[in-house]
């Protein structure tokens, strides 16, 4: 019984770690595109970033963790 809950929490923590790495990569891409001046790509990457942040918030809410930035 606890095994199932612990497994779900561990999996969600793993997902949060992966999502944070993807967010960092996306930030770097946004900086690069911002310097190049490609506005369409910049908007696309910003939308992706917002969606990733929403997923992180949802997983954090489910696991009861607080994400500090």
C-alpha atoms as a PDB file:
ATOM      1  CA  UNK A   1       0.000   0.000   0.000  1.00  0.00           C
ATOM      2  CA  UNK A   2       2.715   2.469   0.944  1.00  0.00           C
ATOM      3  CA  UNK A   3       4.850   0.978  -1.775  1.00  0.00           C
ATOM      4  CA  UNK A   4       2.445   2.231  -4.421  1.00  0.00           C
ATOM      5  CA  UNK A   5       2.296   5.764  -3.000  1.00  0.00           C
ATOM      6  CA  UNK A   6       6.072   5.877  -2.561  1.00  0.00           C
ATOM      7  CA  UNK A   7       6.580   4.665  -6.122  1.00  0.00           C
ATOM      8  CA  UNK A   8       4.277   7.349  -7.509  1.00  0.00           C
ATOM      9  CA  UNK A   9       6.005  10.054  -5.476  1.00  0.00           C
ATOM     10  CA  UNK A  10       9.461   8.880  -6.609  1.00  0.00           C
ATOM     11  CA  UNK A  11       8.330   8.828 -10.223  1.00  0.00           C
ATOM     12  CA  UNK A  12       6.896  12.332  -9.932  1.00  0.00           C
ATOM     13  CA  UNK A  13      10.125  13.590  -8.338  1.00  0.00           C
ATOM     14  CA  UNK A  14      12.056  12.055 -11.248  1.00  0.00           C
ATOM     15  CA  UNK A  15       9.713  13.806 -13.682  1.00  0.00           C
ATOM     16  CA  UNK A  16      10.306  17.112 -11.886  1.00  0.00           C
ATOM     17  CA  UNK A  17      14.070  16.682 -12.194  1.00  0.00           C
ATOM     18  CA  UNK A  18      13.786  15.971 -15.912  1.00  0.00           C
ATOM     19  CA  UNK A  19      11.394  18.867 -16.485  1.00  0.00           C
ATOM     20  CA  UNK A  20      13.755  21.248 -14.676  1.00  0.00           C
ATOM     21  CA  UNK A  21      16.597  20.156 -16.967  1.00  0.00           C
ATOM     22  CA  UNK A  22      14.379  20.683 -20.019  1.00  0.00           C
ATOM     23  CA  UNK A  23      13.405  24.134 -18.694  1.00  0.00           C
ATOM     24  CA  UNK A  24      17.086  25.091 -18.395  1.00  0.00           C
ATOM     25  CA  UNK A  25      17.775  23.931 -21.957  1.00  0.00           C
ATOM     26  CA  UNK A  26      14.752  25.862 -23.176  1.00  0.00           C
ATOM     27  CA  UNK A  27      15.981  29.009 -21.371  1.00  0.00           C
ATOM     28  CA  UNK A  28      19.291  28.734 -23.215  1.00  0.00           C
ATOM     29  CA  UNK A  29      17.464  28.327 -26.515  1.00  0.00           C
ATOM     30  CA  UNK A  30      15.308  31.370 -25.767  1.00  0.00           C
ATOM     31  CA  UNK A  31      18.427  33.454 -25.088  1.00  0.00           C
ATOM     32  CA  UNK A  32      20.034  32.303 -28.349  1.00  0.00           C
ATOM     33  CA  UNK A  33      16.914  32.960 -30.418  1.00  0.00           C
ATOM     34  CA  UNK A  34      16.410  36.328 -28.734  1.00  0.00           C
ATOM     35  CA  UNK A  35      19.863  37.382 -29.899  1.00  0.00           C
ATOM     36  CA  UNK A  36      19.234  36.119 -33.431  1.00  0.00           C
ATOM     37  CA  UNK A  37      15.987  38.088 -33.723  1.00  0.00           C
ATOM     38  CA  UNK A  38      13.698  35.256 -34.914  1.00  0.00           C
ATOM     39  CA  UNK A  39      10.447  36.432 -33.316  1.00  0.00           C
ATOM     40  CA  UNK A  40       8.307  33.475 -34.413  1.00  0.00           C
ATOM     41  CA  UNK A  41      10.730  30.978 -32.885  1.00  0.00           C
ATOM     42  CA  UNK A  42      11.013  33.113 -29.757  1.00  0.00           C
ATOM     43  CA  UNK A  43       7.235  33.113 -29.269  1.00  0.00           C
ATOM     44  CA  UNK A  44       7.100  29.353 -29.845  1.00  0.00           C
ATOM     45  CA  UNK A  45       9.830  28.695 -27.286  1.00  0.00           C
ATOM     46  CA  UNK A  46       8.150  30.993 -24.768  1.00  0.00           C
ATOM     47  CA  UNK A  47       4.874  29.086 -25.173  1.00  0.00           C
ATOM     48  CA  UNK A  48       6.741  25.809 -24.646  1.00  0.00           C
ATOM     49  CA  UNK A  49       8.360  27.283 -21.533  1.00  0.00           C
ATOM     50  CA  UNK A  50       5.000  28.331 -20.109  1.00  0.00           C
ATOM     51  CA  UNK A  51       3.529  24.881 -20.759  1.00  0.00           C
ATOM     52  CA  UNK A  52       6.511  23.181 -19.086  1.00  0.00           C
ATOM     53  CA  UNK A  53       6.105  25.439 -16.057  1.00  0.00           C
ATOM     54  CA  UNK A  54       2.420  24.507 -15.864  1.00  0.00           C
ATOM     55  CA  UNK A  55       3.321  20.803 -15.878  1.00  0.00           C
ATOM     56  CA  UNK A  56       5.907  21.370 -13.125  1.00  0.00           C
ATOM     57  CA  UNK A  57       3.312  23.224 -11.033  1.00  0.00           C
ATOM     58  CA  UNK A  58       0.770  20.420 -11.511  1.00  0.00           C
ATOM     59  CA  UNK A  59       3.224  17.679 -10.517  1.00  0.00           C
ATOM     60  CA  UNK A  60       4.382  19.774  -7.554  1.00  0.00           C
ATOM     61  CA  UNK A  61       0.802  20.237  -6.447  1.00  0.00           C
ATOM     62  CA  UNK A  62       0.155  16.486  -6.622  1.00  0.00           C
ATOM     63  CA  UNK A  63       3.303  15.578  -4.680  1.00  0.00           C
ATOM     64  CA  UNK A  64       3.035  18.445  -2.203  1.00  0.00           C
ATOM     65  CA  UNK A  65       6.478  19.766  -3.050  1.00  0.00           C
ATOM     66  CA  UNK A  66       7.490  23.399  -3.326  1.00  0.00           C
ATOM     67  CA  UNK A  67       9.555  24.509  -6.313  1.00  0.00           C
ATOM     68  CA  UNK A  68      11.899  27.383  -5.582  1.00  0.00           C
ATOM     69  CA  UNK A  69      13.367  29.434  -8.406  1.00  0.00           C
END
